[in-house]
Amino acid sequence: MAEEFDIEQRWPELFAQLDETQRRAVVQSLASAWHEGWTPNREDVENLTDRARGAIDHDEYLRRVDAAAERHRKVPPVRR
């Protein structure tokens, strides 16, 4: 896990269209996941910011996250 949670600095364009309440909600959700060991990636952040600003509905959000999970699940583990 990275030592600093700098999600807004990494992808500022994803947060540009959010109002303050939306921004705080997204950052808090992502920070919580980060503290649990999640590694930030642009796709997850984009999906959540799109949902927060109303660009996609709940069903589309679920479709996107399910598709992302399926892609990651199919990647075979790296053997060392």
N, C-alpha and C. Protein backbone atom coordinates (compact mmCIF):
# COMPACT_ATOMS: atom_id res chain seq x y z
N MET A 1 0.85 -1.18 0.00
CA MET A 1 0.00 0.00 0.00
C MET A 1 0.90 1.23 0.00
N ALA A 2 0.52 2.22 -0.79
CA ALA A 2 1.25 3.48 -0.82
C ALA A 2 1.15 4.16 0.55
N GLU A 3 2.15 4.95 0.89
CA GLU A 3 2.17 5.61 2.18
C GLU A 3 1.26 6.83 2.23
N GLU A 4 0.95 7.40 1.08
CA GLU A 4 0.13 8.61 1.03
C GLU A 4 -1.07 8.38 0.12
N PHE A 5 -2.22 8.83 0.57
CA PHE A 5 -3.44 8.71 -0.22
C PHE A 5 -3.62 10.02 -0.99
N ASP A 6 -3.22 10.01 -2.25
CA ASP A 6 -3.20 11.22 -3.08
C ASP A 6 -4.12 11.10 -4.29
N ILE A 7 -5.26 10.51 -4.08
CA ILE A 7 -6.16 10.15 -5.18
C ILE A 7 -6.56 11.34 -6.05
N GLU A 8 -6.84 12.48 -5.45
CA GLU A 8 -7.26 13.65 -6.23
C GLU A 8 -6.10 14.23 -7.04
N GLN A 9 -4.90 14.09 -6.56
CA GLN A 9 -3.74 14.59 -7.29
C GLN A 9 -3.39 13.65 -8.45
N ARG A 10 -3.68 12.37 -8.29
CA ARG A 10 -3.37 11.41 -9.35
C ARG A 10 -4.26 11.58 -10.57
N TRP A 11 -5.55 11.80 -10.33
CA TRP A 11 -6.52 11.93 -11.42
C TRP A 11 -7.44 13.13 -11.18
N PRO A 12 -6.92 14.34 -11.23
CA PRO A 12 -7.74 15.52 -10.92
C PRO A 12 -8.91 15.71 -11.89
N GLU A 13 -8.75 15.27 -13.12
CA GLU A 13 -9.82 15.43 -14.10
C GLU A 13 -11.07 14.64 -13.71
N LEU A 14 -10.92 13.58 -12.95
CA LEU A 14 -12.08 12.79 -12.54
C LEU A 14 -12.89 13.48 -11.44
N PHE A 15 -12.25 14.37 -10.71
CA PHE A 15 -12.91 15.06 -9.61
C PHE A 15 -13.40 16.46 -10.01
N ALA A 16 -13.01 16.94 -11.18
CA ALA A 16 -13.29 18.31 -11.59
C ALA A 16 -14.78 18.63 -11.68
N GLN A 17 -15.60 17.66 -12.06
CA GLN A 17 -17.03 17.93 -12.24
C GLN A 17 -17.87 17.62 -11.00
N LEU A 18 -17.22 17.24 -9.90
CA LEU A 18 -17.96 16.93 -8.68
C LEU A 18 -18.11 18.19 -7.83
N ASP A 19 -19.26 18.32 -7.17
CA ASP A 19 -19.37 19.40 -6.20
C ASP A 19 -18.68 18.95 -4.91
N GLU A 20 -18.60 19.83 -3.93
CA GLU A 20 -17.86 19.53 -2.71
C GLU A 20 -18.41 18.31 -1.96
N THR A 21 -19.71 18.19 -1.89
CA THR A 21 -20.33 17.06 -1.20
C THR A 21 -20.02 15.75 -1.92
N GLN A 22 -20.15 15.76 -3.23
CA GLN A 22 -19.84 14.56 -4.02
C GLN A 22 -18.36 14.20 -3.88
N ARG A 23 -17.52 15.20 -3.96
CA ARG A 23 -16.07 14.97 -3.86
C ARG A 23 -15.73 14.33 -2.53
N ARG A 24 -16.26 14.89 -1.46
CA ARG A 24 -15.97 14.33 -0.12
C ARG A 24 -16.45 12.89 0.01
N ALA A 25 -17.64 12.62 -0.49
CA ALA A 25 -18.18 11.26 -0.41
C ALA A 25 -17.31 10.27 -1.16
N VAL A 26 -16.89 10.65 -2.36
CA VAL A 26 -16.04 9.76 -3.16
C VAL A 26 -14.69 9.56 -2.48
N VAL A 27 -14.07 10.64 -2.04
CA VAL A 27 -12.76 10.53 -1.40
C VAL A 27 -12.85 9.68 -0.14
N GLN A 28 -13.88 9.86 0.65
CA GLN A 28 -14.03 9.05 1.87
C GLN A 28 -14.22 7.58 1.55
N SER A 29 -15.02 7.28 0.53
CA SER A 29 -15.21 5.88 0.12
C SER A 29 -13.91 5.25 -0.35
N LEU A 30 -13.18 5.98 -1.17
CA LEU A 30 -11.93 5.46 -1.70
C LEU A 30 -10.87 5.33 -0.59
N ALA A 31 -10.83 6.30 0.31
CA ALA A 31 -9.87 6.25 1.42
C ALA A 31 -10.15 5.05 2.32
N SER A 32 -11.41 4.78 2.56
CA SER A 32 -11.77 3.63 3.38
C SER A 32 -11.28 2.33 2.74
N ALA A 33 -11.49 2.20 1.44
CA ALA A 33 -11.02 1.01 0.72
C ALA A 33 -9.50 0.93 0.73
N TRP A 34 -8.84 2.06 0.59
CA TRP A 34 -7.38 2.12 0.60
C TRP A 34 -6.84 1.64 1.94
N HIS A 35 -7.47 2.07 3.02
CA HIS A 35 -7.04 1.65 4.36
C HIS A 35 -7.23 0.15 4.56
N GLU A 36 -8.11 -0.45 3.80
CA GLU A 36 -8.34 -1.90 3.87
C GLU A 36 -7.43 -2.68 2.92
N GLY A 37 -6.57 -1.96 2.18
CA GLY A 37 -5.60 -2.63 1.33
C GLY A 37 -5.81 -2.50 -0.16
N TRP A 38 -6.88 -1.82 -0.58
CA TRP A 38 -7.13 -1.63 -2.01
C TRP A 38 -6.09 -0.68 -2.59
N THR A 39 -5.62 -1.00 -3.78
CA THR A 39 -4.68 -0.15 -4.49
C THR A 39 -5.45 0.68 -5.51
N PRO A 40 -5.38 2.01 -5.41
CA PRO A 40 -6.13 2.86 -6.34
C PRO A 40 -5.77 2.59 -7.80
N ASN A 41 -6.80 2.57 -8.63
CA ASN A 41 -6.58 2.47 -10.08
C ASN A 41 -7.60 3.38 -10.75
N ARG A 42 -7.24 3.86 -11.91
CA ARG A 42 -8.06 4.86 -12.58
C ARG A 42 -9.47 4.36 -12.89
N GLU A 43 -9.59 3.12 -13.31
CA GLU A 43 -10.90 2.59 -13.68
C GLU A 43 -11.88 2.62 -12.50
N ASP A 44 -11.45 2.17 -11.35
CA ASP A 44 -12.33 2.18 -10.17
C ASP A 44 -12.71 3.60 -9.77
N VAL A 45 -11.73 4.50 -9.80
CA VAL A 45 -11.99 5.88 -9.43
C VAL A 45 -12.95 6.53 -10.43
N GLU A 46 -12.73 6.28 -11.70
CA GLU A 46 -13.62 6.84 -12.72
C GLU A 46 -15.05 6.32 -12.57
N ASN A 47 -15.19 5.04 -12.31
CA ASN A 47 -16.53 4.48 -12.14
C ASN A 47 -17.26 5.13 -10.96
N LEU A 48 -16.56 5.30 -9.85
CA LEU A 48 -17.21 5.89 -8.68
C LEU A 48 -17.51 7.37 -8.88
N THR A 49 -16.60 8.12 -9.51
CA THR A 49 -16.88 9.54 -9.75
C THR A 49 -18.00 9.70 -10.78
N ASP A 50 -18.05 8.83 -11.78
CA ASP A 50 -19.15 8.88 -12.75
C ASP A 50 -20.49 8.64 -12.06
N ARG A 51 -20.52 7.68 -11.15
CA ARG A 51 -21.75 7.38 -10.41
C ARG A 51 -22.14 8.56 -9.51
N ALA A 52 -21.17 9.13 -8.84
CA ALA A 52 -21.44 10.23 -7.91
C ALA A 52 -22.01 11.45 -8.62
N ARG A 53 -21.53 11.73 -9.82
CA ARG A 53 -22.01 12.93 -10.52
C ARG A 53 -23.23 12.66 -11.40
N GLY A 54 -23.69 11.41 -11.41
CA GLY A 54 -24.91 11.09 -12.14
C GLY A 54 -24.71 10.78 -13.62
N ALA A 55 -23.47 10.59 -14.04
CA ALA A 55 -23.20 10.27 -15.44
C ALA A 55 -23.65 8.86 -15.79
N ILE A 56 -23.68 7.99 -14.77
CA ILE A 56 -24.16 6.62 -14.96
C ILE A 56 -25.12 6.30 -13.81
N ASP A 57 -26.03 5.37 -14.06
CA ASP A 57 -26.96 4.97 -12.99
C ASP A 57 -26.38 3.78 -12.22
N HIS A 58 -27.10 3.36 -11.19
CA HIS A 58 -26.64 2.28 -10.33
C HIS A 58 -26.40 0.98 -11.12
N ASP A 59 -27.31 0.66 -12.02
CA ASP A 59 -27.16 -0.56 -12.81
C ASP A 59 -25.90 -0.54 -13.68
N GLU A 60 -25.62 0.60 -14.29
CA GLU A 60 -24.41 0.72 -15.11
C GLU A 60 -23.16 0.63 -14.24
N TYR A 61 -23.21 1.24 -13.06
CA TYR A 61 -22.09 1.15 -12.14
C TYR A 61 -21.80 -0.32 -11.80
N LEU A 62 -22.86 -1.06 -11.45
CA LEU A 62 -22.69 -2.48 -11.12
C LEU A 62 -22.17 -3.28 -12.30
N ARG A 63 -22.66 -2.96 -13.51
CA ARG A 63 -22.17 -3.66 -14.70
C ARG A 63 -20.68 -3.44 -14.88
N ARG A 64 -20.25 -2.18 -14.71
CA ARG A 64 -18.83 -1.85 -14.87
C ARG A 64 -17.96 -2.54 -13.83
N VAL A 65 -18.37 -2.50 -12.57
CA VAL A 65 -17.52 -3.10 -11.54
C VAL A 65 -17.52 -4.63 -11.66
N ASP A 66 -18.64 -5.20 -12.06
CA ASP A 66 -18.67 -6.65 -12.28
C ASP A 66 -17.74 -7.04 -13.43
N ALA A 67 -17.76 -6.26 -14.51
CA ALA A 67 -16.89 -6.54 -15.66
C ALA A 67 -15.42 -6.40 -15.26
N ALA A 68 -15.10 -5.39 -14.47
CA ALA A 68 -13.71 -5.20 -14.02
C ALA A 68 -13.28 -6.36 -13.14
N ALA A 69 -14.14 -6.79 -12.24
CA ALA A 69 -13.82 -7.91 -11.37
C ALA A 69 -13.59 -9.18 -12.19
N GLU A 70 -14.41 -9.38 -13.18
CA GLU A 70 -14.27 -10.57 -14.03
C GLU A 70 -12.95 -10.53 -14.81
N ARG A 71 -12.57 -9.37 -15.33
CA ARG A 71 -11.29 -9.25 -16.04
C ARG A 71 -10.12 -9.57 -15.12
N HIS A 72 -10.17 -9.07 -13.92
CA HIS A 72 -9.07 -9.29 -12.97
C HIS A 72 -9.05 -10.73 -12.48
N ARG A 73 -10.20 -11.35 -12.39
CA ARG A 73 -10.27 -12.74 -11.94
C ARG A 73 -9.65 -13.69 -12.95
N LYS A 74 -9.75 -13.36 -14.23
CA LYS A 74 -9.24 -14.24 -15.29
C LYS A 74 -7.73 -14.13 -15.47
N VAL A 75 -7.12 -13.16 -14.86
CA VAL A 75 -5.67 -13.01 -14.98
C VAL A 75 -5.01 -14.07 -14.11
N PRO A 76 -4.22 -14.96 -14.71
CA PRO A 76 -3.58 -16.01 -13.90
C PRO A 76 -2.55 -15.40 -12.95
N PRO A 77 -2.37 -16.01 -11.80
CA PRO A 77 -1.37 -15.48 -10.85
C PRO A 77 0.04 -15.64 -11.41
N VAL A 78 0.88 -14.74 -11.04
CA VAL A 78 2.29 -14.76 -11.46
C VAL A 78 3.02 -15.69 -10.49
N ARG A 79 3.71 -16.66 -11.04
CA ARG A 79 4.48 -17.59 -10.21
C ARG A 79 5.93 -17.13 -10.15
N ARG A 80 6.47 -17.16 -8.97
CA ARG A 80 7.86 -16.72 -8.80
C ARG A 80 8.69 -17.86 -8.31
